[in-house]
Amino acid sequence: MFLKKTNNALDIVFNGIMDGAKVMVTIIAMFIGFISLINIFNKILANIVINDVQLSIQYLLGIVSAPIARLMGIPWGGSEYYRPGLLGTKLITNELVAYQEFAEVGPIYLPLL
């Protein structure tokens, strides 16, 4: 292990803060890059239209995970309450991006609560 030479308690605190800031910046940069790659692939898949639906990575993952959604109590695809893209967004990115999309369609889901 590489230990840094420290002179006092404040030096230890400041070294910890700087190490944490480096990790945070790295995670944010990786997240932005990952979202950008997903966007690039979605732009490529958007040229493919099946049954009046533009394909995206999130939509495809939502279709694949539809049986899991059914087990969670979400009605099948014919219902207005099921959006495959929303579940796929949560699977491929994270909850933050999925909640942003959910905020747009949230009033549709409120009768289920």
PDB file of N, CA and C in Angstrom:
ATOM      1  N   MET A   1       0.820  -1.173   0.000  1.00  0.00           N
ATOM      2  CA  MET A   1       0.000   0.000   0.000  1.00  0.00           C
ATOM      3  C   MET A   1       0.866   1.238   0.000  1.00  0.00           C
ATOM      4  N   PHE A   2       0.358   2.238  -0.682  1.00  0.00           N
ATOM      5  CA  PHE A   2       1.060   3.502  -0.735  1.00  0.00           C
ATOM      6  C   PHE A   2       0.425   4.441   0.281  1.00  0.00           C
ATOM      7  N   LEU A   3       1.164   4.749   1.315  1.00  0.00           N
ATOM      8  CA  LEU A   3       0.674   5.660   2.336  1.00  0.00           C
ATOM      9  C   LEU A   3       1.334   7.010   2.149  1.00  0.00           C
ATOM     10  N   LYS A   4       0.552   8.063   2.252  1.00  0.00           N
ATOM     11  CA  LYS A   4       1.074   9.411   2.127  1.00  0.00           C
ATOM     12  C   LYS A   4       1.585   9.879   3.481  1.00  0.00           C
ATOM     13  N   LYS A   5       2.662  10.637   3.428  1.00  0.00           N
ATOM     14  CA  LYS A   5       3.190  11.193   4.667  1.00  0.00           C
ATOM     15  C   LYS A   5       2.317  12.365   5.080  1.00  0.00           C
ATOM     16  N   THR A   6       1.845  12.323   6.296  1.00  0.00           N
ATOM     17  CA  THR A   6       1.002  13.389   6.804  1.00  0.00           C
ATOM     18  C   THR A   6       1.662  14.032   8.010  1.00  0.00           C
ATOM     19  N   ASN A   7       1.375  15.316   8.168  1.00  0.00           N
ATOM     20  CA  ASN A   7       1.979  16.058   9.278  1.00  0.00           C
ATOM     21  C   ASN A   7       1.031  16.212  10.451  1.00  0.00           C
ATOM     22  N   ASN A   8      -0.244  16.348  10.182  1.00  0.00           N
ATOM     23  CA  ASN A   8      -1.199  16.541  11.267  1.00  0.00           C
ATOM     24  C   ASN A   8      -2.574  16.035  10.832  1.00  0.00           C
ATOM     25  N   ALA A   9      -3.561  16.215  11.687  1.00  0.00           N
ATOM     26  CA  ALA A   9      -4.906  15.702  11.413  1.00  0.00           C
ATOM     27  C   ALA A   9      -5.559  16.417  10.230  1.00  0.00           C
ATOM     28  N   LEU A  10      -5.332  17.720  10.103  1.00  0.00           N
ATOM     29  CA  LEU A  10      -5.912  18.451   8.977  1.00  0.00           C
ATOM     30  C   LEU A  10      -5.354  17.964   7.651  1.00  0.00           C
ATOM     31  N   ASP A  11      -4.092  17.607   7.621  1.00  0.00           N
ATOM     32  CA  ASP A  11      -3.488  17.074   6.405  1.00  0.00           C
ATOM     33  C   ASP A  11      -4.159  15.756   6.008  1.00  0.00           C
ATOM     34  N   ILE A  12      -4.472  14.945   6.990  1.00  0.00           N
ATOM     35  CA  ILE A  12      -5.165  13.682   6.725  1.00  0.00           C
ATOM     36  C   ILE A  12      -6.554  13.955   6.153  1.00  0.00           C
ATOM     37  N   VAL A  13      -7.277  14.909   6.743  1.00  0.00           N
ATOM     38  CA  VAL A  13      -8.615  15.246   6.273  1.00  0.00           C
ATOM     39  C   VAL A  13      -8.560  15.774   4.851  1.00  0.00           C
ATOM     40  N   PHE A  14      -7.650  16.700   4.577  1.00  0.00           N
ATOM     41  CA  PHE A  14      -7.567  17.287   3.234  1.00  0.00           C
ATOM     42  C   PHE A  14      -7.160  16.257   2.188  1.00  0.00           C
ATOM     43  N   ASN A  15      -6.270  15.331   2.531  1.00  0.00           N
ATOM     44  CA  ASN A  15      -5.906  14.258   1.595  1.00  0.00           C
ATOM     45  C   ASN A  15      -7.103  13.370   1.294  1.00  0.00           C
ATOM     46  N   GLY A  16      -7.899  13.079   2.322  1.00  0.00           N
ATOM     47  CA  GLY A  16      -9.103  12.275   2.106  1.00  0.00           C
ATOM     48  C   GLY A  16     -10.110  12.991   1.225  1.00  0.00           C
ATOM     49  N   ILE A  17     -10.267  14.296   1.434  1.00  0.00           N
ATOM     50  CA  ILE A  17     -11.191  15.077   0.613  1.00  0.00           C
ATOM     51  C   ILE A  17     -10.727  15.084  -0.841  1.00  0.00           C
ATOM     52  N   MET A  18      -9.455  15.272  -1.072  1.00  0.00           N
ATOM     53  CA  MET A  18      -8.938  15.305  -2.452  1.00  0.00           C
ATOM     54  C   MET A  18      -9.075  13.935  -3.129  1.00  0.00           C
ATOM     55  N   ASP A  19      -8.799  12.879  -2.397  1.00  0.00           N
ATOM     56  CA  ASP A  19      -8.968  11.535  -2.971  1.00  0.00           C
ATOM     57  C   ASP A  19     -10.429  11.276  -3.326  1.00  0.00           C
ATOM     58  N   GLY A  20     -11.337  11.676  -2.437  1.00  0.00           N
ATOM     59  CA  GLY A  20     -12.765  11.502  -2.706  1.00  0.00           C
ATOM     60  C   GLY A  20     -13.223  12.330  -3.893  1.00  0.00           C
ATOM     61  N   ALA A  21     -12.702  13.548  -4.025  1.00  0.00           N
ATOM     62  CA  ALA A  21     -13.079  14.405  -5.155  1.00  0.00           C
ATOM     63  C   ALA A  21     -12.604  13.798  -6.474  1.00  0.00           C
ATOM     64  N   LYS A  22     -11.419  13.208  -6.479  1.00  0.00           N
ATOM     65  CA  LYS A  22     -10.918  12.557  -7.700  1.00  0.00           C
ATOM     66  C   LYS A  22     -11.810  11.388  -8.100  1.00  0.00           C
ATOM     67  N   VAL A  23     -12.234  10.604  -7.137  1.00  0.00           N
ATOM     68  CA  VAL A  23     -13.112   9.473  -7.428  1.00  0.00           C
ATOM     69  C   VAL A  23     -14.460   9.975  -7.946  1.00  0.00           C
ATOM     70  N   MET A  24     -14.993  11.034  -7.335  1.00  0.00           N
ATOM     71  CA  MET A  24     -16.276  11.573  -7.757  1.00  0.00           C
ATOM     72  C   MET A  24     -16.220  12.094  -9.188  1.00  0.00           C
ATOM     73  N   VAL A  25     -15.175  12.819  -9.537  1.00  0.00           N
ATOM     74  CA  VAL A  25     -15.035  13.347 -10.900  1.00  0.00           C
ATOM     75  C   VAL A  25     -14.906  12.202 -11.894  1.00  0.00           C
ATOM     76  N   THR A  26     -14.183  11.160 -11.532  1.00  0.00           N
ATOM     77  CA  THR A  26     -14.035   9.999 -12.417  1.00  0.00           C
ATOM     78  C   THR A  26     -15.382   9.315 -12.646  1.00  0.00           C
ATOM     79  N   ILE A  27     -16.164   9.136 -11.596  1.00  0.00           N
ATOM     80  CA  ILE A  27     -17.474   8.497 -11.730  1.00  0.00           C
ATOM     81  C   ILE A  27     -18.406   9.335 -12.592  1.00  0.00           C
ATOM     82  N   ILE A  28     -18.420  10.644 -12.399  1.00  0.00           N
ATOM     83  CA  ILE A  28     -19.275  11.520 -13.201  1.00  0.00           C
ATOM     84  C   ILE A  28     -18.864  11.474 -14.666  1.00  0.00           C
ATOM     85  N   ALA A  29     -17.561  11.495 -14.947  1.00  0.00           N
ATOM     86  CA  ALA A  29     -17.091  11.428 -16.334  1.00  0.00           C
ATOM     87  C   ALA A  29     -17.473  10.103 -16.984  1.00  0.00           C
ATOM     88  N   MET A  30     -17.356   9.004 -16.252  1.00  0.00           N
ATOM     89  CA  MET A  30     -17.744   7.706 -16.798  1.00  0.00           C
ATOM     90  C   MET A  30     -19.238   7.640 -17.056  1.00  0.00           C
ATOM     91  N   PHE A  31     -20.049   8.222 -16.173  1.00  0.00           N
ATOM     92  CA  PHE A  31     -21.494   8.228 -16.335  1.00  0.00           C
ATOM     93  C   PHE A  31     -21.898   9.030 -17.575  1.00  0.00           C
ATOM     94  N   ILE A  32     -21.280  10.191 -17.765  1.00  0.00           N
ATOM     95  CA  ILE A  32     -21.578  11.009 -18.947  1.00  0.00           C
ATOM     96  C   ILE A  32     -21.181  10.264 -20.221  1.00  0.00           C
ATOM     97  N   GLY A  33     -20.026   9.618 -20.211  1.00  0.00           N
ATOM     98  CA  GLY A  33     -19.600   8.850 -21.373  1.00  0.00           C
ATOM     99  C   GLY A  33     -20.523   7.685 -21.677  1.00  0.00           C
ATOM    100  N   PHE A  34     -20.979   6.995 -20.641  1.00  0.00           N
ATOM    101  CA  PHE A  34     -21.880   5.855 -20.829  1.00  0.00           C
ATOM    102  C   PHE A  34     -23.221   6.297 -21.397  1.00  0.00           C
ATOM    103  N   ILE A  35     -23.771   7.392 -20.866  1.00  0.00           N
ATOM    104  CA  ILE A  35     -25.038   7.919 -21.376  1.00  0.00           C
ATOM    105  C   ILE A  35     -24.870   8.358 -22.833  1.00  0.00           C
ATOM    106  N   SER A  36     -23.711   8.933 -23.166  1.00  0.00           N
ATOM    107  CA  SER A  36     -23.460   9.356 -24.548  1.00  0.00           C
ATOM    108  C   SER A  36     -23.406   8.161 -25.494  1.00  0.00           C
ATOM    109  N   LEU A  37     -22.767   7.081 -25.077  1.00  0.00           N
ATOM    110  CA  LEU A  37     -22.729   5.876 -25.912  1.00  0.00           C
ATOM    111  C   LEU A  37     -24.127   5.301 -26.124  1.00  0.00           C
ATOM    112  N   ILE A  38     -24.929   5.292 -25.086  1.00  0.00           N
ATOM    113  CA  ILE A  38     -26.301   4.815 -25.222  1.00  0.00           C
ATOM    114  C   ILE A  38     -27.060   5.679 -26.213  1.00  0.00           C
ATOM    115  N   ASN A  39     -26.856   6.994 -26.135  1.00  0.00           N
ATOM    116  CA  ASN A  39     -27.506   7.906 -27.072  1.00  0.00           C
ATOM    117  C   ASN A  39     -27.090   7.643 -28.515  1.00  0.00           C
ATOM    118  N   ILE A  40     -25.806   7.372 -28.734  1.00  0.00           N
ATOM    119  CA  ILE A  40     -25.319   7.076 -30.087  1.00  0.00           C
ATOM    120  C   ILE A  40     -25.995   5.826 -30.634  1.00  0.00           C
ATOM    121  N   PHE A  41     -26.045   4.771 -29.831  1.00  0.00           N
ATOM    122  CA  PHE A  41     -26.685   3.528 -30.274  1.00  0.00           C
ATOM    123  C   PHE A  41     -28.185   3.720 -30.506  1.00  0.00           C
ATOM    124  N   ASN A  42     -28.815   4.554 -29.670  1.00  0.00           N
ATOM    125  CA  ASN A  42     -30.233   4.824 -29.870  1.00  0.00           C
ATOM    126  C   ASN A  42     -30.486   5.588 -31.162  1.00  0.00           C
ATOM    127  N   LYS A  43     -29.589   6.500 -31.519  1.00  0.00           N
ATOM    128  CA  LYS A  43     -29.739   7.229 -32.783  1.00  0.00           C
ATOM    129  C   LYS A  43     -29.635   6.266 -33.971  1.00  0.00           C
ATOM    130  N   ILE A  44     -28.762   5.277 -33.868  1.00  0.00           N
ATOM    131  CA  ILE A  44     -28.624   4.281 -34.933  1.00  0.00           C
ATOM    132  C   ILE A  44     -29.874   3.406 -35.001  1.00  0.00           C
ATOM    133  N   LEU A  45     -30.362   2.965 -33.830  1.00  0.00           N
ATOM    134  CA  LEU A  45     -31.545   2.103 -33.797  1.00  0.00           C
ATOM    135  C   LEU A  45     -32.827   2.850 -34.152  1.00  0.00           C
ATOM    136  N   ALA A  46     -32.821   4.173 -34.037  1.00  0.00           N
ATOM    137  CA  ALA A  46     -34.035   4.952 -34.321  1.00  0.00           C
ATOM    138  C   ALA A  46     -34.438   4.855 -35.790  1.00  0.00           C
ATOM    139  N   ASN A  47     -33.529   4.448 -36.653  1.00  0.00           N
ATOM    140  CA  ASN A  47     -33.849   4.292 -38.068  1.00  0.00           C
ATOM    141  C   ASN A  47     -34.683   3.049 -38.332  1.00  0.00           C
ATOM    142  N   ILE A  48     -34.757   2.160 -37.355  1.00  0.00           N
ATOM    143  CA  ILE A  48     -35.531   0.929 -37.490  1.00  0.00           C
ATOM    144  C   ILE A  48     -36.880   1.147 -36.814  1.00  0.00           C
ATOM    145  N   VAL A  49     -37.952   1.010 -37.575  1.00  0.00           N
ATOM    146  CA  VAL A  49     -39.301   1.201 -37.039  1.00  0.00           C
ATOM    147  C   VAL A  49     -40.089  -0.093 -37.241  1.00  0.00           C
ATOM    148  N   ILE A  50     -40.621  -0.614 -36.138  1.00  0.00           N
ATOM    149  CA  ILE A  50     -41.423  -1.831 -36.188  1.00  0.00           C
ATOM    150  C   ILE A  50     -42.755  -1.529 -35.511  1.00  0.00           C
ATOM    151  N   ASN A  51     -43.853  -1.730 -36.230  1.00  0.00           N
ATOM    152  CA  ASN A  51     -45.202  -1.467 -35.703  1.00  0.00           C
ATOM    153  C   ASN A  51     -45.332  -0.044 -35.148  1.00  0.00           C
ATOM    154  N   ASP A  52     -44.846   0.913 -35.897  1.00  0.00           N
ATOM    155  CA  ASP A  52     -44.902   2.333 -35.529  1.00  0.00           C
ATOM    156  C   ASP A  52     -44.163   2.654 -34.242  1.00  0.00           C
ATOM    157  N   VAL A  53     -43.188   1.848 -33.869  1.00  0.00           N
ATOM    158  CA  VAL A  53     -42.382   2.094 -32.678  1.00  0.00           C
ATOM    159  C   VAL A  53     -40.919   2.168 -33.107  1.00  0.00           C
ATOM    160  N   GLN A  54     -40.259   3.282 -32.761  1.00  0.00           N
ATOM    161  CA  GLN A  54     -38.835   3.386 -33.040  1.00  0.00           C
ATOM    162  C   GLN A  54     -38.079   2.564 -32.005  1.00  0.00           C
ATOM    163  N   LEU A  55     -37.162   1.764 -32.483  1.00  0.00           N
ATOM    164  CA  LEU A  55     -36.399   0.917 -31.567  1.00  0.00           C
ATOM    165  C   LEU A  55     -35.363   1.734 -30.817  1.00  0.00           C
ATOM    166  N   SER A  56     -35.105   1.329 -29.592  1.00  0.00           N
ATOM    167  CA  SER A  56     -34.023   1.885 -28.780  1.00  0.00           C
ATOM    168  C   SER A  56     -33.534   0.770 -27.860  1.00  0.00           C
ATOM    169  N   ILE A  57     -32.379   0.980 -27.278  1.00  0.00           N
ATOM    170  CA  ILE A  57     -31.844  -0.024 -26.357  1.00  0.00           C
ATOM    171  C   ILE A  57     -32.798  -0.197 -25.175  1.00  0.00           C
ATOM    172  N   GLN A  58     -33.332   0.925 -24.675  1.00  0.00           N
ATOM    173  CA  GLN A  58     -34.239   0.851 -23.537  1.00  0.00           C
ATOM    174  C   GLN A  58     -35.514   0.100 -23.891  1.00  0.00           C
ATOM    175  N   TYR A  59     -36.043   0.345 -25.063  1.00  0.00           N
ATOM    176  CA  TYR A  59     -37.269  -0.338 -25.474  1.00  0.00           C
ATOM    177  C   TYR A  59     -37.035  -1.843 -25.590  1.00  0.00           C
ATOM    178  N   LEU A  60     -35.917  -2.234 -26.206  1.00  0.00           N
ATOM    179  CA  LEU A  60     -35.619  -3.662 -26.360  1.00  0.00           C
ATOM    180  C   LEU A  60     -35.445  -4.341 -25.006  1.00  0.00           C
ATOM    181  N   LEU A  61     -34.739  -3.687 -24.082  1.00  0.00           N
ATOM    182  CA  LEU A  61     -34.587  -4.272 -22.748  1.00  0.00           C
ATOM    183  C   LEU A  61     -35.906  -4.310 -22.001  1.00  0.00           C
ATOM    184  N   GLY A  62     -36.764  -3.318 -22.241  1.00  0.00           N
ATOM    185  CA  GLY A  62     -38.084  -3.325 -21.617  1.00  0.00           C
ATOM    186  C   GLY A  62     -38.934  -4.481 -22.095  1.00  0.00           C
ATOM    187  N   ILE A  63     -38.837  -4.801 -23.387  1.00  0.00           N
ATOM    188  CA  ILE A  63     -39.584  -5.938 -23.928  1.00  0.00           C
ATOM    189  C   ILE A  63     -39.053  -7.248 -23.344  1.00  0.00           C
ATOM    190  N   VAL A  64     -37.732  -7.358 -23.249  1.00  0.00           N
ATOM    191  CA  VAL A  64     -37.132  -8.577 -22.702  1.00  0.00           C
ATOM    192  C   VAL A  64     -37.519  -8.751 -21.231  1.00  0.00           C
ATOM    193  N   SER A  65     -37.606  -7.646 -20.498  1.00  0.00           N
ATOM    194  CA  SER A  65     -37.906  -7.734 -19.073  1.00  0.00           C
ATOM    195  C   SER A  65     -39.394  -7.643 -18.765  1.00  0.00           C
ATOM    196  N   ALA A  66     -40.241  -7.704 -19.776  1.00  0.00           N
ATOM    197  CA  ALA A  66     -41.689  -7.619 -19.563  1.00  0.00           C
ATOM    198  C   ALA A  66     -42.214  -8.705 -18.621  1.00  0.00           C
ATOM    199  N   PRO A  67     -41.743  -9.958 -18.705  1.00  0.00           N
ATOM    200  CA  PRO A  67     -42.241 -10.959 -17.737  1.00  0.00           C
ATOM    201  C   PRO A  67     -41.916 -10.597 -16.288  1.00  0.00           C
ATOM    202  N   ILE A  68     -40.766  -9.976 -16.064  1.00  0.00           N
ATOM    203  CA  ILE A  68     -40.409  -9.556 -14.707  1.00  0.00           C
ATOM    204  C   ILE A  68     -41.347  -8.438 -14.250  1.00  0.00           C
ATOM    205  N   ALA A  69     -41.659  -7.519 -15.169  1.00  0.00           N
ATOM    206  CA  ALA A  69     -42.592  -6.443 -14.837  1.00  0.00           C
ATOM    207  C   ALA A  69     -43.957  -7.015 -14.492  1.00  0.00           C
ATOM    208  N   ARG A  70     -44.366  -8.052 -15.212  1.00  0.00           N
ATOM    209  CA  ARG A  70     -45.658  -8.690 -14.937  1.00  0.00           C
ATOM    210  C   ARG A  70     -45.666  -9.313 -13.548  1.00  0.00           C
ATOM    211  N   LEU A  71     -44.542  -9.926 -13.163  1.00  0.00           N
ATOM    212  CA  LEU A  71     -44.444 -10.512 -11.830  1.00  0.00           C
ATOM    213  C   LEU A  71     -44.498  -9.439 -10.741  1.00  0.00           C
ATOM    214  N   MET A  72     -44.054  -8.215 -11.067  1.00  0.00           N
ATOM    215  CA  MET A  72     -44.113  -7.112 -10.108  1.00  0.00           C
ATOM    216  C   MET A  72     -45.507  -6.524 -10.006  1.00  0.00           C
ATOM    217  N   GLY A  73     -46.422  -6.939 -10.909  1.00  0.00           N
ATOM    218  CA  GLY A  73     -47.795  -6.477 -10.830  1.00  0.00           C
ATOM    219  C   GLY A  73     -48.180  -5.447 -11.869  1.00  0.00           C
ATOM    220  N   ILE A  74     -47.310  -5.178 -12.825  1.00  0.00           N
ATOM    221  CA  ILE A  74     -47.625  -4.226 -13.886  1.00  0.00           C
ATOM    222  C   ILE A  74     -48.406  -4.964 -14.971  1.00  0.00           C
ATOM    223  N   PRO A  75     -49.537  -4.433 -15.429  1.00  0.00           N
ATOM    224  CA  PRO A  75     -50.331  -5.122 -16.453  1.00  0.00           C
ATOM    225  C   PRO A  75     -49.542  -5.312 -17.751  1.00  0.00           C
ATOM    226  N   TRP A  76     -49.977  -6.263 -18.575  1.00  0.00           N
ATOM    227  CA  TRP A  76     -49.285  -6.586 -19.816  1.00  0.00           C
ATOM    228  C   TRP A  76     -49.310  -5.432 -20.809  1.00  0.00           C
ATOM    229  N   GLY A  77     -48.552  -5.587 -21.899  1.00  0.00           N
ATOM    230  CA  GLY A  77     -48.275  -4.545 -22.875  1.00  0.00           C
ATOM    231  C   GLY A  77     -49.466  -3.831 -23.471  1.00  0.00           C
ATOM    232  N   GLY A  78     -50.638  -4.427 -23.528  1.00  0.00           N
ATOM    233  CA  GLY A  78     -51.782  -3.759 -24.100  1.00  0.00           C
ATOM    234  C   GLY A  78     -52.282  -2.614 -23.244  1.00  0.00           C
ATOM    235  N   SER A  79     -51.845  -2.567 -22.004  1.00  0.00           N
ATOM    236  CA  SER A  79     -52.320  -1.546 -21.084  1.00  0.00           C
ATOM    237  C   SER A  79     -51.574  -0.240 -21.301  1.00  0.00           C
ATOM    238  N   GLU A  80     -52.245   0.863 -21.003  1.00  0.00           N
ATOM    239  CA  GLU A  80     -51.593   2.165 -21.121  1.00  0.00           C
ATOM    240  C   GLU A  80     -50.601   2.389 -19.980  1.00  0.00           C
ATOM    241  N   TYR A  81     -50.624   1.538 -18.962  1.00  0.00           N
ATOM    242  CA  TYR A  81     -49.757   1.731 -17.813  1.00  0.00           C
ATOM    243  C   TYR A  81     -48.361   1.132 -18.000  1.00  0.00           C
ATOM    244  N   TYR A  82     -48.176   0.314 -18.997  1.00  0.00           N
ATOM    245  CA  TYR A  82     -46.880  -0.339 -19.172  1.00  0.00           C
ATOM    246  C   TYR A  82     -46.108   0.335 -20.287  1.00  0.00           C
ATOM    247  N   ARG A  83     -44.956   0.853 -19.971  1.00  0.00           N
ATOM    248  CA  ARG A  83     -44.066   1.426 -20.973  1.00  0.00           C
ATOM    249  C   ARG A  83     -42.763   0.649 -20.927  1.00  0.00           C
ATOM    250  N   PRO A  84     -42.452  -0.139 -21.944  1.00  0.00           N
ATOM    251  CA  PRO A  84     -41.223  -0.937 -21.920  1.00  0.00           C
ATOM    252  C   PRO A  84     -39.973  -0.066 -21.826  1.00  0.00           C
ATOM    253  N   GLY A  85     -40.008   1.108 -22.436  1.00  0.00           N
ATOM    254  CA  GLY A  85     -38.834   1.966 -22.420  1.00  0.00           C
ATOM    255  C   GLY A  85     -38.467   2.438 -21.035  1.00  0.00           C
ATOM    256  N   LEU A  86     -39.449   2.637 -20.175  1.00  0.00           N
ATOM    257  CA  LEU A  86     -39.182   3.127 -18.828  1.00  0.00           C
ATOM    258  C   LEU A  86     -38.444   2.091 -17.995  1.00  0.00           C
ATOM    259  N   LEU A  87     -38.881   0.850 -18.066  1.00  0.00           N
ATOM    260  CA  LEU A  87     -38.190  -0.214 -17.331  1.00  0.00           C
ATOM    261  C   LEU A  87     -36.811  -0.464 -17.931  1.00  0.00           C
ATOM    262  N   GLY A  88     -36.701  -0.404 -19.251  1.00  0.00           N
ATOM    263  CA  GLY A  88     -35.400  -0.576 -19.895  1.00  0.00           C
ATOM    264  C   GLY A  88     -34.426   0.536 -19.539  1.00  0.00           C
ATOM    265  N   THR A  89     -34.935   1.755 -19.385  1.00  0.00           N
ATOM    266  CA  THR A  89     -34.078   2.874 -18.989  1.00  0.00           C
ATOM    267  C   THR A  89     -33.498   2.635 -17.607  1.00  0.00           C
ATOM    268  N   LYS A  90     -34.327   2.141 -16.695  1.00  0.00           N
ATOM    269  CA  LYS A  90     -33.832   1.858 -15.360  1.00  0.00           C
ATOM    270  C   LYS A  90     -32.781   0.753 -15.385  1.00  0.00           C
ATOM    271  N   LEU A  91     -32.990  -0.231 -16.248  1.00  0.00           N
ATOM    272  CA  LEU A  91     -32.043  -1.342 -16.308  1.00  0.00           C
ATOM    273  C   LEU A  91     -30.707  -0.935 -16.905  1.00  0.00           C
ATOM    274  N   ILE A  92     -30.735  -0.119 -17.975  1.00  0.00           N
ATOM    275  CA  ILE A  92     -29.488   0.157 -18.672  1.00  0.00           C
ATOM    276  C   ILE A  92     -28.734   1.353 -18.104  1.00  0.00           C
ATOM    277  N   THR A  93     -29.438   2.330 -17.557  1.00  0.00           N
ATOM    278  CA  THR A  93     -28.718   3.479 -16.995  1.00  0.00           C
ATOM    279  C   THR A  93     -28.805   3.421 -15.476  1.00  0.00           C
ATOM    280  N   ASN A  94     -29.727   4.169 -14.911  1.00  0.00           N
ATOM    281  CA  ASN A  94     -29.962   4.099 -13.468  1.00  0.00           C
ATOM    282  C   ASN A  94     -31.298   4.756 -13.144  1.00  0.00           C
ATOM    283  N   GLU A  95     -31.609   4.816 -11.878  1.00  0.00           N
ATOM    284  CA  GLU A  95     -32.903   5.335 -11.452  1.00  0.00           C
ATOM    285  C   GLU A  95     -33.048   6.814 -11.749  1.00  0.00           C
ATOM    286  N   LEU A  96     -31.954   7.561 -11.701  1.00  0.00           N
ATOM    287  CA  LEU A  96     -32.026   9.008 -11.914  1.00  0.00           C
ATOM    288  C   LEU A  96     -32.596   9.330 -13.286  1.00  0.00           C
ATOM    289  N   VAL A  97     -32.087   8.683 -14.307  1.00  0.00           N
ATOM    290  CA  VAL A  97     -32.570   8.922 -15.664  1.00  0.00           C
ATOM    291  C   VAL A  97     -33.995   8.393 -15.819  1.00  0.00           C
ATOM    292  N   ALA A  98     -34.298   7.250 -15.226  1.00  0.00           N
ATOM    293  CA  ALA A  98     -35.642   6.684 -15.316  1.00  0.00           C
ATOM    294  C   ALA A  98     -36.661   7.578 -14.619  1.00  0.00           C
ATOM    295  N   TYR A  99     -36.302   8.171 -13.484  1.00  0.00           N
ATOM    296  CA  TYR A  99     -37.227   9.068 -12.796  1.00  0.00           C
ATOM    297  C   TYR A  99     -37.478  10.338 -13.602  1.00  0.00           C
ATOM    298  N   GLN A 100     -36.476  10.800 -14.347  1.00  0.00           N
ATOM    299  CA  GLN A 100     -36.679  11.965 -15.204  1.00  0.00           C
ATOM    300  C   GLN A 100     -37.704  11.645 -16.291  1.00  0.00           C
ATOM    301  N   GLU A 101     -37.605  10.454 -16.868  1.00  0.00           N
ATOM    302  CA  GLU A 101     -38.598  10.045 -17.862  1.00  0.00           C
ATOM    303  C   GLU A 101     -39.963   9.812 -17.204  1.00  0.00           C
ATOM    304  N   PHE A 102     -39.951   9.272 -15.996  1.00  0.00           N
ATOM    305  CA  PHE A 102     -41.205   9.006 -15.297  1.00  0.00           C
ATOM    306  C   PHE A 102     -41.942  10.301 -14.969  1.00  0.00           C
ATOM    307  N   ALA A 103     -41.198  11.376 -14.729  1.00  0.00           N
ATOM    308  CA  ALA A 103     -41.833  12.656 -14.421  1.00  0.00           C
ATOM    309  C   ALA A 103     -42.681  13.153 -15.588  1.00  0.00           C
ATOM    310  N   GLU A 104     -42.293  12.785 -16.814  1.00  0.00           N
ATOM    311  CA  GLU A 104     -43.056  13.205 -17.993  1.00  0.00           C
ATOM    312  C   GLU A 104     -44.371  12.433 -18.114  1.00  0.00           C
ATOM    313  N   VAL A 105     -44.359  11.158 -17.739  1.00  0.00           N
ATOM    314  CA  VAL A 105     -45.556  10.329 -17.909  1.00  0.00           C
ATOM    315  C   VAL A 105     -46.190   9.957 -16.577  1.00  0.00           C
ATOM    316  N   GLY A 106     -45.723  10.536 -15.495  1.00  0.00           N
ATOM    317  CA  GLY A 106     -46.187  10.197 -14.151  1.00  0.00           C
ATOM    318  C   GLY A 106     -47.683  10.292 -13.953  1.00  0.00           C
ATOM    319  N   PRO A 107     -48.348  11.354 -14.451  1.00  0.00           N
ATOM    320  CA  PRO A 107     -49.800  11.440 -14.213  1.00  0.00           C
ATOM    321  C   PRO A 107     -50.592  10.252 -14.754  1.00  0.00           C
ATOM    322  N   ILE A 108     -50.081   9.571 -15.769  1.00  0.00           N
ATOM    323  CA  ILE A 108     -50.765   8.383 -16.296  1.00  0.00           C
ATOM    324  C   ILE A 108     -50.728   7.273 -15.253  1.00  0.00           C
ATOM    325  N   TYR A 109     -49.631   7.191 -14.491  1.00  0.00           N
ATOM    326  CA  TYR A 109     -49.450   6.105 -13.544  1.00  0.00           C
ATOM    327  C   TYR A 109     -50.103   6.376 -12.194  1.00  0.00           C
ATOM    328  N   LEU A 110     -50.503   7.598 -11.924  1.00  0.00           N
ATOM    329  CA  LEU A 110     -51.054   7.927 -10.606  1.00  0.00           C
ATOM    330  C   LEU A 110     -52.302   7.128 -10.243  1.00  0.00           C
ATOM    331  N   PRO A 111     -53.213   6.786 -11.177  1.00  0.00           N
ATOM    332  CA  PRO A 111     -54.368   5.978 -10.752  1.00  0.00           C
ATOM    333  C   PRO A 111     -53.980   4.611 -10.182  1.00  0.00           C
ATOM    334  N   LEU A 112     -52.787   4.116 -10.505  1.00  0.00           N
ATOM    335  CA  LEU A 112     -52.378   2.814  -9.956  1.00  0.00           C
ATOM    336  C   LEU A 112     -52.041   2.901  -8.492  1.00  0.00           C
ATOM    337  N   LEU A 113     -51.682   4.087  -8.009  1.00  0.00           N
ATOM    338  CA  LEU A 113     -51.291   4.220  -6.616  1.00  0.00           C
ATOM    339  C   LEU A 113     -52.527   4.285  -5.790  1.00  0.00           C
TER     340      LEU A 113
END
